[in-house]
Amino acid sequence: MTTLLTLTPGRRPDGTPVLTAIGEIDMSNTHDLAAALEGTAGPVVLDLTAVEYLDSAGLSVLFSHADRIELVANPLLAPILSVSGLADLAAVSITGEGTAP
């Protein structure tokens, strides 16, 4: 069964492409994430603030694009991005730090 993931393209005011992900990223839908990232030229901001789950298959896709992505994530994903080493390879901003769930 496929896990629900919504990917919405957009742009920052400076023209930088933004890809907003909502839902869960797992092995059932990483092909959609990979296709969206591959279909976006140049540096891209990947907004993961509304992602509730990210597994190793999703991390694998992110690692393959680490040289050109900037991640914006929620505090739930911060440990995953840090322990995996992805935070050492890609720019990562954590939103909502210090806020109660």
PDB file of N, CA and C in Angstrom:
ATOM      1  N   MET A   1       0.839  -1.182   0.000  1.00  0.00           N
ATOM      2  CA  MET A   1       0.000   0.000   0.000  1.00  0.00           C
ATOM      3  C   MET A   1       0.887   1.249   0.000  1.00  0.00           C
ATOM      4  N   THR A   2       0.554   2.188  -0.826  1.00  0.00           N
ATOM      5  CA  THR A   2       1.321   3.420  -0.936  1.00  0.00           C
ATOM      6  C   THR A   2       0.957   4.382   0.185  1.00  0.00           C
ATOM      7  N   THR A   3       1.987   4.962   0.782  1.00  0.00           N
ATOM      8  CA  THR A   3       1.800   5.959   1.824  1.00  0.00           C
ATOM      9  C   THR A   3       1.571   7.311   1.168  1.00  0.00           C
ATOM     10  N   LEU A   4       0.667   8.083   1.731  1.00  0.00           N
ATOM     11  CA  LEU A   4       0.330   9.379   1.157  1.00  0.00           C
ATOM     12  C   LEU A   4       1.487  10.368   1.281  1.00  0.00           C
ATOM     13  N   LEU A   5       1.880  10.922   0.151  1.00  0.00           N
ATOM     14  CA  LEU A   5       2.876  11.977   0.078  1.00  0.00           C
ATOM     15  C   LEU A   5       2.424  12.958  -0.979  1.00  0.00           C
ATOM     16  N   THR A   6       2.353  14.221  -0.592  1.00  0.00           N
ATOM     17  CA  THR A   6       2.012  15.284  -1.531  1.00  0.00           C
ATOM     18  C   THR A   6       3.254  16.135  -1.746  1.00  0.00           C
ATOM     19  N   LEU A   7       3.597  16.382  -2.999  1.00  0.00           N
ATOM     20  CA  LEU A   7       4.742  17.221  -3.363  1.00  0.00           C
ATOM     21  C   LEU A   7       4.237  18.397  -4.175  1.00  0.00           C
ATOM     22  N   THR A   8       4.514  19.599  -3.682  1.00  0.00           N
ATOM     23  CA  THR A   8       4.032  20.805  -4.348  1.00  0.00           C
ATOM     24  C   THR A   8       5.217  21.700  -4.712  1.00  0.00           C
ATOM     25  N   PRO A   9       5.406  21.979  -6.000  1.00  0.00           N
ATOM     26  CA  PRO A   9       6.487  22.873  -6.397  1.00  0.00           C
ATOM     27  C   PRO A   9       6.100  24.339  -6.196  1.00  0.00           C
ATOM     28  N   GLY A  10       7.109  25.150  -6.008  1.00  0.00           N
ATOM     29  CA  GLY A  10       6.903  26.583  -5.867  1.00  0.00           C
ATOM     30  C   GLY A  10       8.226  27.297  -6.033  1.00  0.00           C
ATOM     31  N   ARG A  11       8.249  28.582  -5.695  1.00  0.00           N
ATOM     32  CA  ARG A  11       9.479  29.378  -5.774  1.00  0.00           C
ATOM     33  C   ARG A  11       9.518  30.366  -4.618  1.00  0.00           C
ATOM     34  N   ARG A  12      10.712  30.612  -4.144  1.00  0.00           N
ATOM     35  CA  ARG A  12      10.931  31.682  -3.166  1.00  0.00           C
ATOM     36  C   ARG A  12      10.886  33.001  -3.914  1.00  0.00           C
ATOM     37  N   PRO A  13      10.747  34.113  -3.188  1.00  0.00           N
ATOM     38  CA  PRO A  13      10.743  35.409  -3.863  1.00  0.00           C
ATOM     39  C   PRO A  13      12.001  35.669  -4.705  1.00  0.00           C
ATOM     40  N   ASP A  14      13.132  35.049  -4.313  1.00  0.00           N
ATOM     41  CA  ASP A  14      14.362  35.246  -5.083  1.00  0.00           C
ATOM     42  C   ASP A  14      14.448  34.321  -6.299  1.00  0.00           C
ATOM     43  N   GLY A  15      13.414  33.494  -6.515  1.00  0.00           N
ATOM     44  CA  GLY A  15      13.372  32.609  -7.672  1.00  0.00           C
ATOM     45  C   GLY A  15      13.861  31.196  -7.413  1.00  0.00           C
ATOM     46  N   THR A  16      14.424  30.940  -6.237  1.00  0.00           N
ATOM     47  CA  THR A  16      14.899  29.593  -5.907  1.00  0.00           C
ATOM     48  C   THR A  16      13.729  28.616  -5.881  1.00  0.00           C
ATOM     49  N   PRO A  17      13.857  27.488  -6.571  1.00  0.00           N
ATOM     50  CA  PRO A  17      12.788  26.487  -6.543  1.00  0.00           C
ATOM     51  C   PRO A  17      12.598  25.909  -5.141  1.00  0.00           C
ATOM     52  N   VAL A  18      11.341  25.697  -4.776  1.00  0.00           N
ATOM     53  CA  VAL A  18      10.977  25.095  -3.501  1.00  0.00           C
ATOM     54  C   VAL A  18      10.069  23.909  -3.799  1.00  0.00           C
ATOM     55  N   LEU A  19      10.343  22.810  -3.140  1.00  0.00           N
ATOM     56  CA  LEU A  19       9.493  21.637  -3.244  1.00  0.00           C
ATOM     57  C   LEU A  19       8.985  21.345  -1.833  1.00  0.00           C
ATOM     58  N   THR A  20       7.673  21.439  -1.642  1.00  0.00           N
ATOM     59  CA  THR A  20       7.075  21.222  -0.325  1.00  0.00           C
ATOM     60  C   THR A  20       6.502  19.818  -0.263  1.00  0.00           C
ATOM     61  N   ALA A  21       6.947  19.061   0.742  1.00  0.00           N
ATOM     62  CA  ALA A  21       6.481  17.688   0.944  1.00  0.00           C
ATOM     63  C   ALA A  21       5.548  17.652   2.150  1.00  0.00           C
ATOM     64  N   ILE A  22       4.437  16.934   2.004  1.00  0.00           N
ATOM     65  CA  ILE A  22       3.471  16.770   3.091  1.00  0.00           C
ATOM     66  C   ILE A  22       3.129  15.295   3.201  1.00  0.00           C
ATOM     67  N   GLY A  23       3.203  14.764   4.411  1.00  0.00           N
ATOM     68  CA  GLY A  23       2.839  13.370   4.644  1.00  0.00           C
ATOM     69  C   GLY A  23       4.008  12.559   5.137  1.00  0.00           C
ATOM     70  N   GLU A  24       4.164  11.363   4.570  1.00  0.00           N
ATOM     71  CA  GLU A  24       5.217  10.442   4.955  1.00  0.00           C
ATOM     72  C   GLU A  24       6.057  10.094   3.739  1.00  0.00           C
ATOM     73  N   ILE A  25       7.370   9.962   3.971  1.00  0.00           N
ATOM     74  CA  ILE A  25       8.276   9.564   2.900  1.00  0.00           C
ATOM     75  C   ILE A  25       8.834   8.196   3.276  1.00  0.00           C
ATOM     76  N   ASP A  26       8.468   7.191   2.484  1.00  0.00           N
ATOM     77  CA  ASP A  26       8.962   5.840   2.721  1.00  0.00           C
ATOM     78  C   ASP A  26       9.181   5.134   1.389  1.00  0.00           C
ATOM     79  N   MET A  27       9.554   3.867   1.456  1.00  0.00           N
ATOM     80  CA  MET A  27       9.912   3.154   0.229  1.00  0.00           C
ATOM     81  C   MET A  27       8.784   3.065  -0.785  1.00  0.00           C
ATOM     82  N   SER A  28       7.545   3.272  -0.355  1.00  0.00           N
ATOM     83  CA  SER A  28       6.426   3.185  -1.289  1.00  0.00           C
ATOM     84  C   SER A  28       6.289   4.418  -2.182  1.00  0.00           C
ATOM     85  N   ASN A  29       6.932   5.527  -1.804  1.00  0.00           N
ATOM     86  CA  ASN A  29       6.741   6.745  -2.591  1.00  0.00           C
ATOM     87  C   ASN A  29       8.031   7.513  -2.893  1.00  0.00           C
ATOM     88  N   THR A  30       9.179   6.917  -2.588  1.00  0.00           N
ATOM     89  CA  THR A  30      10.424   7.642  -2.848  1.00  0.00           C
ATOM     90  C   THR A  30      10.656   7.897  -4.332  1.00  0.00           C
ATOM     91  N   HIS A  31      10.078   7.065  -5.200  1.00  0.00           N
ATOM     92  CA  HIS A  31      10.220   7.316  -6.636  1.00  0.00           C
ATOM     93  C   HIS A  31       9.586   8.655  -7.017  1.00  0.00           C
ATOM     94  N   ASP A  32       8.499   9.032  -6.341  1.00  0.00           N
ATOM     95  CA  ASP A  32       7.865  10.334  -6.606  1.00  0.00           C
ATOM     96  C   ASP A  32       8.769  11.478  -6.154  1.00  0.00           C
ATOM     97  N   LEU A  33       9.375  11.322  -4.984  1.00  0.00           N
ATOM     98  CA  LEU A  33      10.287  12.345  -4.474  1.00  0.00           C
ATOM     99  C   LEU A  33      11.500  12.465  -5.385  1.00  0.00           C
ATOM    100  N   ALA A  34      12.071  11.338  -5.774  1.00  0.00           N
ATOM    101  CA  ALA A  34      13.237  11.360  -6.656  1.00  0.00           C
ATOM    102  C   ALA A  34      12.912  12.033  -7.985  1.00  0.00           C
ATOM    103  N   ALA A  35      11.764  11.698  -8.553  1.00  0.00           N
ATOM    104  CA  ALA A  35      11.362  12.298  -9.827  1.00  0.00           C
ATOM    105  C   ALA A  35      11.168  13.807  -9.698  1.00  0.00           C
ATOM    106  N   ALA A  36      10.574  14.241  -8.595  1.00  0.00           N
ATOM    107  CA  ALA A  36      10.357  15.678  -8.390  1.00  0.00           C
ATOM    108  C   ALA A  36      11.684  16.412  -8.240  1.00  0.00           C
ATOM    109  N   LEU A  37      12.623  15.831  -7.504  1.00  0.00           N
ATOM    110  CA  LEU A  37      13.927  16.470  -7.341  1.00  0.00           C
ATOM    111  C   LEU A  37      14.704  16.465  -8.650  1.00  0.00           C
ATOM    112  N   GLU A  38      14.659  15.365  -9.370  1.00  0.00           N
ATOM    113  CA  GLU A  38      15.365  15.278 -10.647  1.00  0.00           C
ATOM    114  C   GLU A  38      14.759  16.214 -11.690  1.00  0.00           C
ATOM    115  N   GLY A  39      13.477  16.510 -11.553  1.00  0.00           N
ATOM    116  CA  GLY A  39      12.804  17.400 -12.489  1.00  0.00           C
ATOM    117  C   GLY A  39      12.959  18.868 -12.162  1.00  0.00           C
ATOM    118  N   THR A  40      13.689  19.162 -11.103  1.00  0.00           N
ATOM    119  CA  THR A  40      13.922  20.541 -10.687  1.00  0.00           C
ATOM    120  C   THR A  40      15.388  20.869 -10.912  1.00  0.00           C
ATOM    121  N   ALA A  41      15.660  21.822 -11.777  1.00  0.00           N
ATOM    122  CA  ALA A  41      17.038  22.174 -12.105  1.00  0.00           C
ATOM    123  C   ALA A  41      17.671  23.040 -11.026  1.00  0.00           C
ATOM    124  N   GLY A  42      18.978  22.884 -10.866  1.00  0.00           N
ATOM    125  CA  GLY A  42      19.755  23.727  -9.963  1.00  0.00           C
ATOM    126  C   GLY A  42      19.476  23.460  -8.509  1.00  0.00           C
ATOM    127  N   PRO A  43      19.915  24.381  -7.653  1.00  0.00           N
ATOM    128  CA  PRO A  43      19.666  24.247  -6.217  1.00  0.00           C
ATOM    129  C   PRO A  43      18.168  24.273  -5.940  1.00  0.00           C
ATOM    130  N   VAL A  44      17.761  23.530  -4.926  1.00  0.00           N
ATOM    131  CA  VAL A  44      16.342  23.470  -4.582  1.00  0.00           C
ATOM    132  C   VAL A  44      16.189  23.402  -3.064  1.00  0.00           C
ATOM    133  N   VAL A  45      15.170  24.087  -2.569  1.00  0.00           N
ATOM    134  CA  VAL A  45      14.806  24.007  -1.153  1.00  0.00           C
ATOM    135  C   VAL A  45      13.748  22.928  -1.032  1.00  0.00           C
ATOM    136  N   LEU A  46      13.988  21.963  -0.146  1.00  0.00           N
ATOM    137  CA  LEU A  46      13.017  20.910   0.104  1.00  0.00           C
ATOM    138  C   LEU A  46      12.417  21.154   1.483  1.00  0.00           C
ATOM    139  N   ASP A  47      11.156  21.547   1.499  1.00  0.00           N
ATOM    140  CA  ASP A  47      10.453  21.855   2.739  1.00  0.00           C
ATOM    141  C   ASP A  47       9.827  20.582   3.296  1.00  0.00           C
ATOM    142  N   LEU A  48      10.403  20.098   4.390  1.00  0.00           N
ATOM    143  CA  LEU A  48       9.929  18.877   5.043  1.00  0.00           C
ATOM    144  C   LEU A  48       9.184  19.170   6.343  1.00  0.00           C
ATOM    145  N   THR A  49       8.764  20.415   6.544  1.00  0.00           N
ATOM    146  CA  THR A  49       8.148  20.776   7.823  1.00  0.00           C
ATOM    147  C   THR A  49       6.845  20.047   8.092  1.00  0.00           C
ATOM    148  N   ALA A  50       6.178  19.559   7.062  1.00  0.00           N
ATOM    149  CA  ALA A  50       4.922  18.829   7.247  1.00  0.00           C
ATOM    150  C   ALA A  50       5.093  17.324   7.010  1.00  0.00           C
ATOM    151  N   VAL A  51       6.342  16.856   7.036  1.00  0.00           N
ATOM    152  CA  VAL A  51       6.613  15.421   6.894  1.00  0.00           C
ATOM    153  C   VAL A  51       6.621  14.794   8.282  1.00  0.00           C
ATOM    154  N   GLU A  52       5.828  13.751   8.429  1.00  0.00           N
ATOM    155  CA  GLU A  52       5.664  13.095   9.722  1.00  0.00           C
ATOM    156  C   GLU A  52       6.560  11.874   9.886  1.00  0.00           C
ATOM    157  N   TYR A  53       7.095  11.357   8.774  1.00  0.00           N
ATOM    158  CA  TYR A  53       7.895  10.141   8.815  1.00  0.00           C
ATOM    159  C   TYR A  53       8.851  10.143   7.634  1.00  0.00           C
ATOM    160  N   LEU A  54      10.092   9.741   7.891  1.00  0.00           N
ATOM    161  CA  LEU A  54      11.114   9.664   6.850  1.00  0.00           C
ATOM    162  C   LEU A  54      11.943   8.416   7.113  1.00  0.00           C
ATOM    163  N   ASP A  55      11.887   7.447   6.196  1.00  0.00           N
ATOM    164  CA  ASP A  55      12.640   6.211   6.418  1.00  0.00           C
ATOM    165  C   ASP A  55      13.953   6.227   5.631  1.00  0.00           C
ATOM    166  N   SER A  56      14.687   5.114   5.705  1.00  0.00           N
ATOM    167  CA  SER A  56      15.996   5.041   5.064  1.00  0.00           C
ATOM    168  C   SER A  56      15.918   5.148   3.541  1.00  0.00           C
ATOM    169  N   ALA A  57      14.834   4.698   2.948  1.00  0.00           N
ATOM    170  CA  ALA A  57      14.674   4.850   1.501  1.00  0.00           C
ATOM    171  C   ALA A  57      14.560   6.325   1.128  1.00  0.00           C
ATOM    172  N   GLY A  58      13.834   7.088   1.935  1.00  0.00           N
ATOM    173  CA  GLY A  58      13.732   8.526   1.715  1.00  0.00           C
ATOM    174  C   GLY A  58      15.062   9.219   1.920  1.00  0.00           C
ATOM    175  N   LEU A  59      15.792   8.807   2.956  1.00  0.00           N
ATOM    176  CA  LEU A  59      17.119   9.372   3.194  1.00  0.00           C
ATOM    177  C   LEU A  59      18.043   9.115   2.011  1.00  0.00           C
ATOM    178  N   SER A  60      17.946   7.937   1.432  1.00  0.00           N
ATOM    179  CA  SER A  60      18.781   7.595   0.283  1.00  0.00           C
ATOM    180  C   SER A  60      18.559   8.573  -0.873  1.00  0.00           C
ATOM    181  N   VAL A  61      17.314   8.921  -1.117  1.00  0.00           N
ATOM    182  CA  VAL A  61      17.010   9.899  -2.169  1.00  0.00           C
ATOM    183  C   VAL A  61      17.618  11.252  -1.808  1.00  0.00           C
ATOM    184  N   LEU A  62      17.479  11.654  -0.561  1.00  0.00           N
ATOM    185  CA  LEU A  62      18.023  12.948  -0.139  1.00  0.00           C
ATOM    186  C   LEU A  62      19.544  12.962  -0.248  1.00  0.00           C
ATOM    187  N   PHE A  63      20.197  11.868   0.137  1.00  0.00           N
ATOM    188  CA  PHE A  63      21.656  11.793   0.016  1.00  0.00           C
ATOM    189  C   PHE A  63      22.101  11.958  -1.432  1.00  0.00           C
ATOM    190  N   SER A  64      21.348  11.396  -2.357  1.00  0.00           N
ATOM    191  CA  SER A  64      21.758  11.486  -3.767  1.00  0.00           C
ATOM    192  C   SER A  64      21.641  12.905  -4.320  1.00  0.00           C
ATOM    193  N   HIS A  65      20.949  13.782  -3.605  1.00  0.00           N
ATOM    194  CA  HIS A  65      20.800  15.177  -4.039  1.00  0.00           C
ATOM    195  C   HIS A  65      21.396  16.157  -3.026  1.00  0.00           C
ATOM    196  N   ALA A  66      22.166  15.647  -2.066  1.00  0.00           N
ATOM    197  CA  ALA A  66      22.674  16.470  -0.959  1.00  0.00           C
ATOM    198  C   ALA A  66      23.491  17.673  -1.420  1.00  0.00           C
ATOM    199  N   ASP A  67      24.150  17.559  -2.558  1.00  0.00           N
ATOM    200  CA  ASP A  67      24.994  18.654  -3.028  1.00  0.00           C
ATOM    201  C   ASP A  67      24.208  19.840  -3.566  1.00  0.00           C
ATOM    202  N   ARG A  68      22.883  19.689  -3.724  1.00  0.00           N
ATOM    203  CA  ARG A  68      22.109  20.793  -4.291  1.00  0.00           C
ATOM    204  C   ARG A  68      20.804  21.083  -3.571  1.00  0.00           C
ATOM    205  N   ILE A  69      20.583  20.445  -2.423  1.00  0.00           N
ATOM    206  CA  ILE A  69      19.344  20.712  -1.690  1.00  0.00           C
ATOM    207  C   ILE A  69      19.612  21.454  -0.390  1.00  0.00           C
ATOM    208  N   GLU A  70      18.642  22.262  -0.041  1.00  0.00           N
ATOM    209  CA  GLU A  70      18.593  22.895   1.275  1.00  0.00           C
ATOM    210  C   GLU A  70      17.334  22.337   1.927  1.00  0.00           C
ATOM    211  N   LEU A  71      17.484  21.749   3.091  1.00  0.00           N
ATOM    212  CA  LEU A  71      16.355  21.137   3.773  1.00  0.00           C
ATOM    213  C   LEU A  71      15.804  22.054   4.846  1.00  0.00           C
ATOM    214  N   VAL A  72      14.502  22.182   4.882  1.00  0.00           N
ATOM    215  CA  VAL A  72      13.806  22.877   5.956  1.00  0.00           C
ATOM    216  C   VAL A  72      12.948  21.802   6.605  1.00  0.00           C
ATOM    217  N   ALA A  73      13.211  21.521   7.882  1.00  0.00           N
ATOM    218  CA  ALA A  73      12.556  20.389   8.529  1.00  0.00           C
ATOM    219  C   ALA A  73      11.985  20.776   9.885  1.00  0.00           C
ATOM    220  N   ASN A  74      11.123  19.920  10.381  1.00  0.00           N
ATOM    221  CA  ASN A  74      10.557  20.120  11.719  1.00  0.00           C
ATOM    222  C   ASN A  74      11.461  19.429  12.743  1.00  0.00           C
ATOM    223  N   PRO A  75      11.294  19.740  14.032  1.00  0.00           N
ATOM    224  CA  PRO A  75      12.148  19.154  15.065  1.00  0.00           C
ATOM    225  C   PRO A  75      12.081  17.625  15.134  1.00  0.00           C
ATOM    226  N   LEU A  76      10.990  17.030  14.713  1.00  0.00           N
ATOM    227  CA  LEU A  76      10.862  15.573  14.698  1.00  0.00           C
ATOM    228  C   LEU A  76      11.906  14.927  13.791  1.00  0.00           C
ATOM    229  N   LEU A  77      12.238  15.568  12.688  1.00  0.00           N
ATOM    230  CA  LEU A  77      13.189  15.014  11.734  1.00  0.00           C
ATOM    231  C   LEU A  77      14.638  15.365  12.047  1.00  0.00           C
ATOM    232  N   ALA A  78      14.859  16.322  12.934  1.00  0.00           N
ATOM    233  CA  ALA A  78      16.221  16.775  13.236  1.00  0.00           C
ATOM    234  C   ALA A  78      17.157  15.634  13.632  1.00  0.00           C
ATOM    235  N   PRO A  79      16.763  14.733  14.546  1.00  0.00           N
ATOM    236  CA  PRO A  79      17.677  13.646  14.909  1.00  0.00           C
ATOM    237  C   PRO A  79      18.001  12.718  13.731  1.00  0.00           C
ATOM    238  N   ILE A  80      17.033  12.456  12.890  1.00  0.00           N
ATOM    239  CA  ILE A  80      17.236  11.577  11.738  1.00  0.00           C
ATOM    240  C   ILE A  80      18.247  12.199  10.776  1.00  0.00           C
ATOM    241  N   LEU A  81      18.096  13.486  10.516  1.00  0.00           N
ATOM    242  CA  LEU A  81      18.992  14.171   9.593  1.00  0.00           C
ATOM    243  C   LEU A  81      20.398  14.271  10.163  1.00  0.00           C
ATOM    244  N   SER A  82      20.487  14.419  11.468  1.00  0.00           N
ATOM    245  CA  SER A  82      21.783  14.530  12.128  1.00  0.00           C
ATOM    246  C   SER A  82      22.493  13.184  12.222  1.00  0.00           C
ATOM    247  N   VAL A  83      21.831  12.180  12.775  1.00  0.00           N
ATOM    248  CA  VAL A  83      22.444  10.862  12.974  1.00  0.00           C
ATOM    249  C   VAL A  83      22.821  10.219  11.642  1.00  0.00           C
ATOM    250  N   SER A  84      22.020  10.428  10.616  1.00  0.00           N
ATOM    251  CA  SER A  84      22.305   9.838   9.304  1.00  0.00           C
ATOM    252  C   SER A  84      23.526  10.480   8.645  1.00  0.00           C
ATOM    253  N   GLY A  85      23.889  11.690   9.081  1.00  0.00           N
ATOM    254  CA  GLY A  85      24.992  12.416   8.476  1.00  0.00           C
ATOM    255  C   GLY A  85      24.558  13.356   7.364  1.00  0.00           C
ATOM    256  N   LEU A  86      23.276  13.338   7.028  1.00  0.00           N
ATOM    257  CA  LEU A  86      22.791  14.206   5.954  1.00  0.00           C
ATOM    258  C   LEU A  86      22.966  15.679   6.314  1.00  0.00           C
ATOM    259  N   ALA A  87      22.810  16.011   7.587  1.00  0.00           N
ATOM    260  CA  ALA A  87      22.962  17.402   8.018  1.00  0.00           C
ATOM    261  C   ALA A  87      24.390  17.910   7.823  1.00  0.00           C
ATOM    262  N   ASP A  88      25.348  16.985   7.693  1.00  0.00           N
ATOM    263  CA  ASP A  88      26.734  17.374   7.437  1.00  0.00           C
ATOM    264  C   ASP A  88      26.989  17.642   5.952  1.00  0.00           C
ATOM    265  N   LEU A  89      26.101  17.153   5.093  1.00  0.00           N
ATOM    266  CA  LEU A  89      26.297  17.272   3.646  1.00  0.00           C
ATOM    267  C   LEU A  89      25.403  18.309   2.980  1.00  0.00           C
ATOM    268  N   ALA A  90      24.241  18.550   3.576  1.00  0.00           N
ATOM    269  CA  ALA A  90      23.278  19.496   3.003  1.00  0.00           C
ATOM    270  C   ALA A  90      22.968  20.564   4.037  1.00  0.00           C
ATOM    271  N   ALA A  91      22.581  21.724   3.567  1.00  0.00           N
ATOM    272  CA  ALA A  91      22.147  22.787   4.477  1.00  0.00           C
ATOM    273  C   ALA A  91      20.814  22.368   5.085  1.00  0.00           C
ATOM    274  N   VAL A  92      20.708  22.473   6.408  1.00  0.00           N
ATOM    275  CA  VAL A  92      19.482  22.067   7.114  1.00  0.00           C
ATOM    276  C   VAL A  92      19.061  23.195   8.056  1.00  0.00           C
ATOM    277  N   SER A  93      17.794  23.576   7.954  1.00  0.00           N
ATOM    278  CA  SER A  93      17.189  24.528   8.886  1.00  0.00           C
ATOM    279  C   SER A  93      16.063  23.810   9.587  1.00  0.00           C
ATOM    280  N   ILE A  94      16.054  23.889  10.918  1.00  0.00           N
ATOM    281  CA  ILE A  94      14.991  23.265  11.704  1.00  0.00           C
ATOM    282  C   ILE A  94      14.036  24.370  12.147  1.00  0.00           C
ATOM    283  N   THR A  95      12.761  24.219  11.826  1.00  0.00           N
ATOM    284  CA  THR A  95      11.773  25.214  12.208  1.00  0.00           C
ATOM    285  C   THR A  95      11.065  24.783  13.476  1.00  0.00           C
ATOM    286  N   GLY A  96      10.644  25.739  14.251  1.00  0.00           N
ATOM    287  CA  GLY A  96       9.876  25.432  15.446  1.00  0.00           C
ATOM    288  C   GLY A  96      10.698  24.918  16.607  1.00  0.00           C
ATOM    289  N   GLU A  97      12.030  25.120  16.583  1.00  0.00           N
ATOM    290  CA  GLU A  97      12.863  24.670  17.689  1.00  0.00           C
ATOM    291  C   GLU A  97      12.439  25.392  18.962  1.00  0.00           C
ATOM    292  N   GLY A  98      12.372  24.637  20.033  1.00  0.00           N
ATOM    293  CA  GLY A  98      12.025  25.223  21.328  1.00  0.00           C
ATOM    294  C   GLY A  98      10.534  25.387  21.543  1.00  0.00           C
ATOM    295  N   THR A  99       9.720  24.905  20.624  1.00  0.00           N
ATOM    296  CA  THR A  99       8.284  25.022  20.804  1.00  0.00           C
ATOM    297  C   THR A  99       7.720  23.700  21.300  1.00  0.00           C
ATOM    298  N   ALA A 100       6.683  23.773  22.070  1.00  0.00           N
ATOM    299  CA  ALA A 100       6.039  22.564  22.585  1.00  0.00           C
ATOM    300  C   ALA A 100       5.178  21.949  21.498  1.00  0.00           C
ATOM    301  N   PRO A 101       5.116  20.596  21.458  1.00  0.00           N
ATOM    302  CA  PRO A 101       4.297  19.961  20.430  1.00  0.00           C
ATOM    303  C   PRO A 101       2.818  20.237  20.604  1.00  0.00           C
TER     304      PRO A 101
END
